[in-house]
């Protein structure tokens, strides 16, 4: 699996006895995302699907909508003093005529808690920035029994998690429960960006009629990323935050939390979940 996993020495204690053995760990490395050659953001991620991660991030920032918005996505050579390629710096070159947002070392955008926006201001920022505002009108319906089977399908498809036990996952499903795509990463937001980025690269945005399932909790940031990609249903195996629920209600999204077997809590858009 290349750089996705690494081996480390570990002292393992079991039943009162100790032994030394190698252990498989998930890899974590920084990825610098550049836009038209200028630094935009750095995220800690599991290497792999870096181009999808970069463009998915830009979709969630409201920079990209159509596949024609991008001229090229490349790794940056000469990222180190000796000029070697670390494969940890990606540049997204916009197509001619695509507006370039103001880029500063301290990103003043709505996607992170450090941006200085909160509450209603954050909700307004997402609503006005999304290129796919039709979520509220999406007619998709998902049977509760289909939704309840999705976590097990997601878990069964997590190949790297089986080896490391240290990854989050995001899965894209149809309303009939078919798993369309799965990405794993040390960061939940990165896994979602990879899902969105791959859909962007294949010209499938907006993701109308789709269900996004995440392996952890549903934060405001994850709901925001789903809204920006036009996804009408977001489900999580753990709890949502209060602002995540507010954004789901504001956007017309269906938000499900504590999805565990046949049990679930529907925090917004309950009309889409059928019994």
C-alpha atoms as a PDB file:
ATOM      1  CA  UNK A   1       0.000   0.000   0.000  1.00  0.00           C
ATOM      2  CA  UNK A   2       3.035   2.264  -0.265  1.00  0.00           C
ATOM      3  CA  UNK A   3       2.922   5.408   1.820  1.00  0.00           C
ATOM      4  CA  UNK A   4      -0.566   4.710   3.128  1.00  0.00           C
ATOM      5  CA  UNK A   5       0.866   2.570   5.935  1.00  0.00           C
ATOM      6  CA  UNK A   6       4.191   2.313   7.774  1.00  0.00           C
ATOM      7  CA  UNK A   7       5.750  -0.279  10.073  1.00  0.00           C
ATOM      8  CA  UNK A   8       6.946   0.573  13.581  1.00  0.00           C
ATOM      9  CA  UNK A   9       8.398  -1.377  16.506  1.00  0.00           C
ATOM     10  CA  UNK A  10       5.976  -1.861  19.393  1.00  0.00           C
ATOM     11  CA  UNK A  11       6.150  -3.548  22.779  1.00  0.00           C
ATOM     12  CA  UNK A  12       2.955  -5.527  23.124  1.00  0.00           C
ATOM     13  CA  UNK A  13       1.653  -6.569  26.527  1.00  0.00           C
ATOM     14  CA  UNK A  14      -0.940  -9.345  26.644  1.00  0.00           C
ATOM     15  CA  UNK A  15      -2.026 -11.422  29.645  1.00  0.00           C
ATOM     16  CA  UNK A  16       0.786 -10.041  31.784  1.00  0.00           C
ATOM     17  CA  UNK A  17       3.535 -10.879  29.280  1.00  0.00           C
ATOM     18  CA  UNK A  18       5.500  -8.507  27.044  1.00  0.00           C
ATOM     19  CA  UNK A  19       6.901  -9.057  23.588  1.00  0.00           C
ATOM     20  CA  UNK A  20       8.396  -6.982  20.781  1.00  0.00           C
ATOM     21  CA  UNK A  21       6.781  -7.042  17.361  1.00  0.00           C
ATOM     22  CA  UNK A  22       6.249  -4.810  14.306  1.00  0.00           C
ATOM     23  CA  UNK A  23       2.964  -2.964  14.040  1.00  0.00           C
ATOM     24  CA  UNK A  24       1.270  -1.419  11.000  1.00  0.00           C
ATOM     25  CA  UNK A  25       0.344   2.230  11.400  1.00  0.00           C
ATOM     26  CA  UNK A  26      -1.571   4.533   9.114  1.00  0.00           C
ATOM     27  CA  UNK A  27       0.710   7.121   7.517  1.00  0.00           C
ATOM     28  CA  UNK A  28       0.169  10.798   8.291  1.00  0.00           C
ATOM     29  CA  UNK A  29       1.935  13.525   6.315  1.00  0.00           C
ATOM     30  CA  UNK A  30       1.265  17.196   5.592  1.00  0.00           C
ATOM     31  CA  UNK A  31      -0.198  18.207   2.244  1.00  0.00           C
ATOM     32  CA  UNK A  32       0.224  21.785   1.088  1.00  0.00           C
ATOM     33  CA  UNK A  33      -2.446  22.877  -1.372  1.00  0.00           C
ATOM     34  CA  UNK A  34      -1.466  25.682  -3.730  1.00  0.00           C
ATOM     35  CA  UNK A  35      -3.782  27.599  -6.018  1.00  0.00           C
ATOM     36  CA  UNK A  36      -2.198  28.993  -9.184  1.00  0.00           C
ATOM     37  CA  UNK A  37       1.173  28.489  -7.531  1.00  0.00           C
ATOM     38  CA  UNK A  38       0.372  30.344  -4.303  1.00  0.00           C
ATOM     39  CA  UNK A  39       0.052  28.556  -0.922  1.00  0.00           C
ATOM     40  CA  UNK A  40      -3.563  28.239   0.213  1.00  0.00           C
ATOM     41  CA  UNK A  41      -3.765  25.630   2.971  1.00  0.00           C
ATOM     42  CA  UNK A  42      -1.947  22.799   4.714  1.00  0.00           C
ATOM     43  CA  UNK A  43      -3.754  19.719   5.969  1.00  0.00           C
ATOM     44  CA  UNK A  44      -2.515  16.579   7.678  1.00  0.00           C
ATOM     45  CA  UNK A  45      -3.663  13.626   5.616  1.00  0.00           C
ATOM     46  CA  UNK A  46      -3.098  10.002   4.681  1.00  0.00           C
ATOM     47  CA  UNK A  47      -1.204  10.044   1.354  1.00  0.00           C
ATOM     48  CA  UNK A  48      -3.281   8.937  -1.602  1.00  0.00           C
ATOM     49  CA  UNK A  49      -5.951  10.597  -3.754  1.00  0.00           C
ATOM     50  CA  UNK A  50      -4.097  13.864  -3.205  1.00  0.00           C
ATOM     51  CA  UNK A  51      -5.422  15.471  -6.388  1.00  0.00           C
ATOM     52  CA  UNK A  52      -8.988  14.558  -5.433  1.00  0.00           C
ATOM     53  CA  UNK A  53      -8.389  15.911  -1.938  1.00  0.00           C
ATOM     54  CA  UNK A  54      -7.119  19.218  -3.332  1.00  0.00           C
ATOM     55  CA  UNK A  55      -9.985  19.806  -5.759  1.00  0.00           C
ATOM     56  CA  UNK A  56     -12.553  18.534  -3.245  1.00  0.00           C
ATOM     57  CA  UNK A  57     -11.236  21.085  -0.770  1.00  0.00           C
ATOM     58  CA  UNK A  58     -11.625  23.815  -3.387  1.00  0.00           C
ATOM     59  CA  UNK A  59     -15.192  22.703  -4.118  1.00  0.00           C
ATOM     60  CA  UNK A  60     -15.982  23.060  -0.417  1.00  0.00           C
ATOM     61  CA  UNK A  61     -14.406  26.542  -0.501  1.00  0.00           C
ATOM     62  CA  UNK A  62     -16.693  27.585  -3.347  1.00  0.00           C
ATOM     63  CA  UNK A  63     -13.798  28.030  -5.777  1.00  0.00           C
ATOM     64  CA  UNK A  64     -14.690  25.173  -8.133  1.00  0.00           C
ATOM     65  CA  UNK A  65     -17.979  23.975  -9.597  1.00  0.00           C
ATOM     66  CA  UNK A  66     -17.520  22.564 -13.111  1.00  0.00           C
ATOM     67  CA  UNK A  67     -14.713  20.246 -14.178  1.00  0.00           C
ATOM     68  CA  UNK A  68     -13.726  22.845 -16.770  1.00  0.00           C
ATOM     69  CA  UNK A  69     -12.701  25.231 -13.956  1.00  0.00           C
ATOM     70  CA  UNK A  70      -9.367  23.417 -13.588  1.00  0.00           C
ATOM     71  CA  UNK A  71      -6.571  23.510 -16.137  1.00  0.00           C
ATOM     72  CA  UNK A  72      -4.231  21.111 -14.344  1.00  0.00           C
ATOM     73  CA  UNK A  73      -3.463  19.490 -10.986  1.00  0.00           C
ATOM     74  CA  UNK A  74       0.190  18.605 -10.399  1.00  0.00           C
ATOM     75  CA  UNK A  75       2.702  17.749  -7.708  1.00  0.00           C
ATOM     76  CA  UNK A  76       5.202  20.555  -7.206  1.00  0.00           C
ATOM     77  CA  UNK A  77       8.825  19.680  -7.915  1.00  0.00           C
ATOM     78  CA  UNK A  78      11.587  21.363  -5.989  1.00  0.00           C
ATOM     79  CA  UNK A  79       9.579  21.485  -2.786  1.00  0.00           C
ATOM     80  CA  UNK A  80      12.715  20.789  -0.721  1.00  0.00           C
ATOM     81  CA  UNK A  81      16.098  22.493  -0.539  1.00  0.00           C
ATOM     82  CA  UNK A  82      17.727  19.808  -2.669  1.00  0.00           C
ATOM     83  CA  UNK A  83      15.002  20.133  -5.295  1.00  0.00           C
ATOM     84  CA  UNK A  84      13.477  16.689  -4.799  1.00  0.00           C
ATOM     85  CA  UNK A  85       9.761  16.015  -5.008  1.00  0.00           C
ATOM     86  CA  UNK A  86       8.183  15.155  -1.668  1.00  0.00           C
ATOM     87  CA  UNK A  87       4.755  14.511  -3.202  1.00  0.00           C
ATOM     88  CA  UNK A  88       3.415  16.591  -0.327  1.00  0.00           C
ATOM     89  CA  UNK A  89       2.763  19.787  -2.325  1.00  0.00           C
ATOM     90  CA  UNK A  90      -0.060  19.949  -4.874  1.00  0.00           C
ATOM     91  CA  UNK A  91      -0.786  22.882  -7.168  1.00  0.00           C
ATOM     92  CA  UNK A  92      -4.220  23.424  -8.702  1.00  0.00           C
ATOM     93  CA  UNK A  93      -4.022  25.644 -11.776  1.00  0.00           C
ATOM     94  CA  UNK A  94      -7.342  27.277 -12.577  1.00  0.00           C
ATOM     95  CA  UNK A  95      -8.572  27.570 -16.141  1.00  0.00           C
ATOM     96  CA  UNK A  96      -8.476  30.958 -17.786  1.00  0.00           C
ATOM     97  CA  UNK A  97     -11.291  33.209 -16.615  1.00  0.00           C
ATOM     98  CA  UNK A  98     -12.037  31.359 -13.370  1.00  0.00           C
ATOM     99  CA  UNK A  99     -12.020  33.909 -10.499  1.00  0.00           C
ATOM    100  CA  UNK A 100      -9.141  33.531  -8.067  1.00  0.00           C
ATOM    101  CA  UNK A 101     -10.087  34.144  -4.417  1.00  0.00           C
ATOM    102  CA  UNK A 102      -8.012  36.370  -2.206  1.00  0.00           C
ATOM    103  CA  UNK A 103      -5.241  34.169  -0.815  1.00  0.00           C
ATOM    104  CA  UNK A 104      -3.465  35.070   2.402  1.00  0.00           C
ATOM    105  CA  UNK A 105      -1.309  33.069   4.793  1.00  0.00           C
ATOM    106  CA  UNK A 106      -4.162  33.334   7.322  1.00  0.00           C
ATOM    107  CA  UNK A 107      -7.145  32.056   5.364  1.00  0.00           C
ATOM    108  CA  UNK A 108     -10.160  34.262   5.927  1.00  0.00           C
ATOM    109  CA  UNK A 109     -12.786  31.817   4.722  1.00  0.00           C
ATOM    110  CA  UNK A 110     -15.839  30.310   6.317  1.00  0.00           C
ATOM    111  CA  UNK A 111     -14.761  26.667   6.460  1.00  0.00           C
ATOM    112  CA  UNK A 112     -12.777  26.619   9.698  1.00  0.00           C
ATOM    113  CA  UNK A 113     -13.454  27.606  13.261  1.00  0.00           C
ATOM    114  CA  UNK A 114     -10.505  30.007  13.094  1.00  0.00           C
ATOM    115  CA  UNK A 115     -12.084  32.187  10.433  1.00  0.00           C
ATOM    116  CA  UNK A 116     -13.761  34.520  12.911  1.00  0.00           C
ATOM    117  CA  UNK A 117     -17.280  33.638  11.830  1.00  0.00           C
ATOM    118  CA  UNK A 118     -19.792  31.857  13.991  1.00  0.00           C
ATOM    119  CA  UNK A 119     -23.488  31.131  14.288  1.00  0.00           C
ATOM    120  CA  UNK A 120     -25.705  32.897  11.767  1.00  0.00           C
ATOM    121  CA  UNK A 121     -22.737  34.439   9.961  1.00  0.00           C
ATOM    122  CA  UNK A 122     -21.340  30.983   9.196  1.00  0.00           C
ATOM    123  CA  UNK A 123     -24.701  29.749   7.939  1.00  0.00           C
ATOM    124  CA  UNK A 124     -25.102  32.784   5.703  1.00  0.00           C
ATOM    125  CA  UNK A 125     -21.604  32.324   4.296  1.00  0.00           C
ATOM    126  CA  UNK A 126     -22.287  28.735   3.216  1.00  0.00           C
ATOM    127  CA  UNK A 127     -25.720  29.497   1.818  1.00  0.00           C
ATOM    128  CA  UNK A 128     -24.449  32.350  -0.344  1.00  0.00           C
ATOM    129  CA  UNK A 129     -21.291  30.530  -1.486  1.00  0.00           C
ATOM    130  CA  UNK A 130     -22.709  27.180  -2.627  1.00  0.00           C
ATOM    131  CA  UNK A 131     -22.897  26.590  -6.366  1.00  0.00           C
ATOM    132  CA  UNK A 132     -25.586  23.901  -5.898  1.00  0.00           C
ATOM    133  CA  UNK A 133     -28.456  25.424  -3.889  1.00  0.00           C
ATOM    134  CA  UNK A 134     -31.082  22.842  -4.877  1.00  0.00           C
ATOM    135  CA  UNK A 135     -30.713  20.466  -1.909  1.00  0.00           C
ATOM    136  CA  UNK A 136     -34.032  21.459  -0.329  1.00  0.00           C
ATOM    137  CA  UNK A 137     -35.897  20.427  -3.491  1.00  0.00           C
ATOM    138  CA  UNK A 138     -34.130  17.072  -3.881  1.00  0.00           C
ATOM    139  CA  UNK A 139     -36.916  14.438  -3.886  1.00  0.00           C
ATOM    140  CA  UNK A 140     -34.749  11.492  -2.790  1.00  0.00           C
ATOM    141  CA  UNK A 141     -36.226   9.066  -0.259  1.00  0.00           C
ATOM    142  CA  UNK A 142     -34.189   6.527   1.713  1.00  0.00           C
ATOM    143  CA  UNK A 143     -35.798   3.569   3.491  1.00  0.00           C
ATOM    144  CA  UNK A 144     -34.707   3.405   7.126  1.00  0.00           C
ATOM    145  CA  UNK A 145     -33.718  -0.254   6.780  1.00  0.00           C
ATOM    146  CA  UNK A 146     -31.449   0.617   3.828  1.00  0.00           C
ATOM    147  CA  UNK A 147     -29.812   3.427   5.788  1.00  0.00           C
ATOM    148  CA  UNK A 148     -29.282   1.200   8.827  1.00  0.00           C
ATOM    149  CA  UNK A 149     -27.305  -1.307   6.730  1.00  0.00           C
ATOM    150  CA  UNK A 150     -24.856   1.283   5.408  1.00  0.00           C
ATOM    151  CA  UNK A 151     -22.424   1.438   8.387  1.00  0.00           C
ATOM    152  CA  UNK A 152     -21.709  -2.290   8.140  1.00  0.00           C
ATOM    153  CA  UNK A 153     -21.154  -1.980   4.391  1.00  0.00           C
ATOM    154  CA  UNK A 154     -18.823   0.945   4.952  1.00  0.00           C
ATOM    155  CA  UNK A 155     -16.869  -0.898   7.642  1.00  0.00           C
ATOM    156  CA  UNK A 156     -16.556  -4.046   5.517  1.00  0.00           C
ATOM    157  CA  UNK A 157     -14.997  -1.998   2.712  1.00  0.00           C
ATOM    158  CA  UNK A 158     -12.363  -0.287   4.913  1.00  0.00           C
ATOM    159  CA  UNK A 159      -9.265  -2.212   3.832  1.00  0.00           C
ATOM    160  CA  UNK A 160      -6.648   0.036   5.449  1.00  0.00           C
ATOM    161  CA  UNK A 161      -8.605   0.252   8.707  1.00  0.00           C
ATOM    162  CA  UNK A 162      -8.405  -3.536   8.938  1.00  0.00           C
ATOM    163  CA  UNK A 163      -4.608  -3.260   9.024  1.00  0.00           C
ATOM    164  CA  UNK A 164      -4.223  -0.173  11.222  1.00  0.00           C
ATOM    165  CA  UNK A 165      -7.419   0.548  13.177  1.00  0.00           C
ATOM    166  CA  UNK A 166      -6.582   4.246  12.853  1.00  0.00           C
ATOM    167  CA  UNK A 167      -8.601   5.725  10.014  1.00  0.00           C
ATOM    168  CA  UNK A 168     -11.834   7.580   9.452  1.00  0.00           C
ATOM    169  CA  UNK A 169     -13.959   6.772   6.429  1.00  0.00           C
ATOM    170  CA  UNK A 170     -16.492   8.485   4.216  1.00  0.00           C
ATOM    171  CA  UNK A 171     -18.767   6.532   1.925  1.00  0.00           C
ATOM    172  CA  UNK A 172     -21.019   7.686  -0.891  1.00  0.00           C
ATOM    173  CA  UNK A 173     -24.173   5.607  -1.340  1.00  0.00           C
ATOM    174  CA  UNK A 174     -27.224   5.553  -3.551  1.00  0.00           C
ATOM    175  CA  UNK A 175     -30.654   5.735  -1.934  1.00  0.00           C
ATOM    176  CA  UNK A 176     -30.889   1.986  -2.596  1.00  0.00           C
ATOM    177  CA  UNK A 177     -27.787   1.292  -0.490  1.00  0.00           C
ATOM    178  CA  UNK A 178     -25.220   0.766  -3.261  1.00  0.00           C
ATOM    179  CA  UNK A 179     -21.734   1.883  -2.220  1.00  0.00           C
ATOM    180  CA  UNK A 180     -20.474   4.185  -4.967  1.00  0.00           C
ATOM    181  CA  UNK A 181     -17.189   5.309  -3.433  1.00  0.00           C
ATOM    182  CA  UNK A 182     -15.193   4.959  -0.224  1.00  0.00           C
ATOM    183  CA  UNK A 183     -12.201   6.962   0.971  1.00  0.00           C
ATOM    184  CA  UNK A 184     -10.183   6.546   4.154  1.00  0.00           C
ATOM    185  CA  UNK A 185      -8.022   9.156   5.863  1.00  0.00           C
ATOM    186  CA  UNK A 186      -6.706  10.187   9.266  1.00  0.00           C
ATOM    187  CA  UNK A 187      -9.013  13.204   8.977  1.00  0.00           C
ATOM    188  CA  UNK A 188     -12.770  12.919   8.517  1.00  0.00           C
ATOM    189  CA  UNK A 189     -12.830  16.144   6.533  1.00  0.00           C
ATOM    190  CA  UNK A 190     -10.086  14.843   4.227  1.00  0.00           C
ATOM    191  CA  UNK A 191     -12.017  11.648   3.533  1.00  0.00           C
ATOM    192  CA  UNK A 192     -15.047  13.730   2.551  1.00  0.00           C
ATOM    193  CA  UNK A 193     -12.933  16.051   0.392  1.00  0.00           C
ATOM    194  CA  UNK A 194     -11.550  13.000  -1.426  1.00  0.00           C
ATOM    195  CA  UNK A 195     -15.095  11.743  -2.081  1.00  0.00           C
ATOM    196  CA  UNK A 196     -16.197  15.157  -3.372  1.00  0.00           C
ATOM    197  CA  UNK A 197     -13.002  15.620  -5.370  1.00  0.00           C
ATOM    198  CA  UNK A 198     -13.389  12.301  -7.157  1.00  0.00           C
ATOM    199  CA  UNK A 199     -16.978  13.183  -8.022  1.00  0.00           C
ATOM    200  CA  UNK A 200     -15.778  16.552  -9.320  1.00  0.00           C
ATOM    201  CA  UNK A 201     -13.090  14.931 -11.451  1.00  0.00           C
ATOM    202  CA  UNK A 202     -15.644  12.637 -13.072  1.00  0.00           C
ATOM    203  CA  UNK A 203     -18.151  15.432 -13.695  1.00  0.00           C
ATOM    204  CA  UNK A 204     -20.758  14.114 -11.243  1.00  0.00           C
ATOM    205  CA  UNK A 205     -21.425  17.261  -9.206  1.00  0.00           C
ATOM    206  CA  UNK A 206     -23.895  18.053  -7.799  1.00  0.00           C
ATOM    207  CA  UNK A 207     -24.387  14.698  -6.065  1.00  0.00           C
ATOM    208  CA  UNK A 208     -28.172  14.812  -6.169  1.00  0.00           C
ATOM    209  CA  UNK A 209     -29.952  11.800  -4.690  1.00  0.00           C
ATOM    210  CA  UNK A 210     -26.838  10.612  -2.843  1.00  0.00           C
ATOM    211  CA  UNK A 211     -26.216   9.667   0.774  1.00  0.00           C
ATOM    212  CA  UNK A 212     -22.921  10.551   2.454  1.00  0.00           C
ATOM    213  CA  UNK A 213     -21.980   8.416   5.463  1.00  0.00           C
ATOM    214  CA  UNK A 214     -19.127   9.360   7.801  1.00  0.00           C
ATOM    215  CA  UNK A 215     -17.566   7.090  10.401  1.00  0.00           C
ATOM    216  CA  UNK A 216     -17.428   9.628  13.225  1.00  0.00           C
ATOM    217  CA  UNK A 217     -19.456  12.615  14.314  1.00  0.00           C
ATOM    218  CA  UNK A 218     -21.161  15.157  12.066  1.00  0.00           C
ATOM    219  CA  UNK A 219     -19.479  18.525  12.553  1.00  0.00           C
ATOM    220  CA  UNK A 220     -20.468  21.828  10.985  1.00  0.00           C
ATOM    221  CA  UNK A 221     -17.541  21.471   8.578  1.00  0.00           C
ATOM    222  CA  UNK A 222     -18.737  18.104   7.257  1.00  0.00           C
ATOM    223  CA  UNK A 223     -22.298  19.344   6.759  1.00  0.00           C
ATOM    224  CA  UNK A 224     -20.886  22.387   4.971  1.00  0.00           C
ATOM    225  CA  UNK A 225     -18.824  20.200   2.629  1.00  0.00           C
ATOM    226  CA  UNK A 226     -21.884  18.082   1.820  1.00  0.00           C
ATOM    227  CA  UNK A 227     -23.957  21.197   1.133  1.00  0.00           C
ATOM    228  CA  UNK A 228     -21.273  22.577  -1.180  1.00  0.00           C
ATOM    229  CA  UNK A 229     -21.319  19.302  -3.151  1.00  0.00           C
ATOM    230  CA  UNK A 230     -25.128  19.208  -3.406  1.00  0.00           C
ATOM    231  CA  UNK A 231     -25.547  16.082  -1.242  1.00  0.00           C
ATOM    232  CA  UNK A 232     -29.090  15.882   0.216  1.00  0.00           C
ATOM    233  CA  UNK A 233     -28.527  13.256   2.959  1.00  0.00           C
ATOM    234  CA  UNK A 234     -25.685  13.078   5.474  1.00  0.00           C
ATOM    235  CA  UNK A 235     -25.521  10.308   8.073  1.00  0.00           C
ATOM    236  CA  UNK A 236     -23.018   9.768  10.876  1.00  0.00           C
ATOM    237  CA  UNK A 237     -22.464   6.953  13.330  1.00  0.00           C
ATOM    238  CA  UNK A 238     -21.957   9.472  16.123  1.00  0.00           C
ATOM    239  CA  UNK A 239     -23.396  12.807  17.240  1.00  0.00           C
ATOM    240  CA  UNK A 240     -23.837  16.039  15.295  1.00  0.00           C
ATOM    241  CA  UNK A 241     -22.984  19.460  16.677  1.00  0.00           C
ATOM    242  CA  UNK A 242     -25.615  22.147  17.237  1.00  0.00           C
ATOM    243  CA  UNK A 243     -24.303  24.289  14.383  1.00  0.00           C
ATOM    244  CA  UNK A 244     -24.269  21.262  12.075  1.00  0.00           C
ATOM    245  CA  UNK A 245     -27.976  20.767  12.770  1.00  0.00           C
ATOM    246  CA  UNK A 246     -28.642  24.471  12.196  1.00  0.00           C
ATOM    247  CA  UNK A 247     -26.902  24.356   8.814  1.00  0.00           C
ATOM    248  CA  UNK A 248     -28.748  21.188   7.780  1.00  0.00           C
ATOM    249  CA  UNK A 249     -32.091  22.789   8.641  1.00  0.00           C
ATOM    250  CA  UNK A 250     -31.123  26.024   6.893  1.00  0.00           C
ATOM    251  CA  UNK A 251     -30.031  24.172   3.747  1.00  0.00           C
ATOM    252  CA  UNK A 252     -32.855  21.638   3.500  1.00  0.00           C
ATOM    253  CA  UNK A 253     -30.510  18.713   4.092  1.00  0.00           C
ATOM    254  CA  UNK A 254     -31.410  15.497   5.889  1.00  0.00           C
ATOM    255  CA  UNK A 255     -29.050  14.917   8.814  1.00  0.00           C
ATOM    256  CA  UNK A 256     -28.934  11.601  10.681  1.00  0.00           C
ATOM    257  CA  UNK A 257     -26.810  10.893  13.735  1.00  0.00           C
ATOM    258  CA  UNK A 258     -26.140   7.909  15.994  1.00  0.00           C
ATOM    259  CA  UNK A 259     -26.770   5.553  13.066  1.00  0.00           C
ATOM    260  CA  UNK A 260     -26.184   2.205  14.735  1.00  0.00           C
ATOM    261  CA  UNK A 261     -28.021  -0.810  13.434  1.00  0.00           C
ATOM    262  CA  UNK A 262     -31.754  -0.110  13.208  1.00  0.00           C
ATOM    263  CA  UNK A 263     -31.467   2.861  15.584  1.00  0.00           C
ATOM    264  CA  UNK A 264     -30.860   6.456  14.504  1.00  0.00           C
ATOM    265  CA  UNK A 265     -31.682  10.060  15.358  1.00  0.00           C
ATOM    266  CA  UNK A 266     -32.963  12.291  12.551  1.00  0.00           C
ATOM    267  CA  UNK A 267     -32.083  15.904  13.286  1.00  0.00           C
ATOM    268  CA  UNK A 268     -33.271  17.511  10.039  1.00  0.00           C
ATOM    269  CA  UNK A 269     -35.180  16.532   6.903  1.00  0.00           C
ATOM    270  CA  UNK A 270     -36.991  13.566   8.421  1.00  0.00           C
ATOM    271  CA  UNK A 271     -39.388  13.429   5.456  1.00  0.00           C
ATOM    272  CA  UNK A 272     -36.651  11.779   3.361  1.00  0.00           C
ATOM    273  CA  UNK A 273     -36.312   8.759   5.685  1.00  0.00           C
ATOM    274  CA  UNK A 274     -39.150   6.315   5.117  1.00  0.00           C
ATOM    275  CA  UNK A 275     -40.261   3.569   7.491  1.00  0.00           C
END
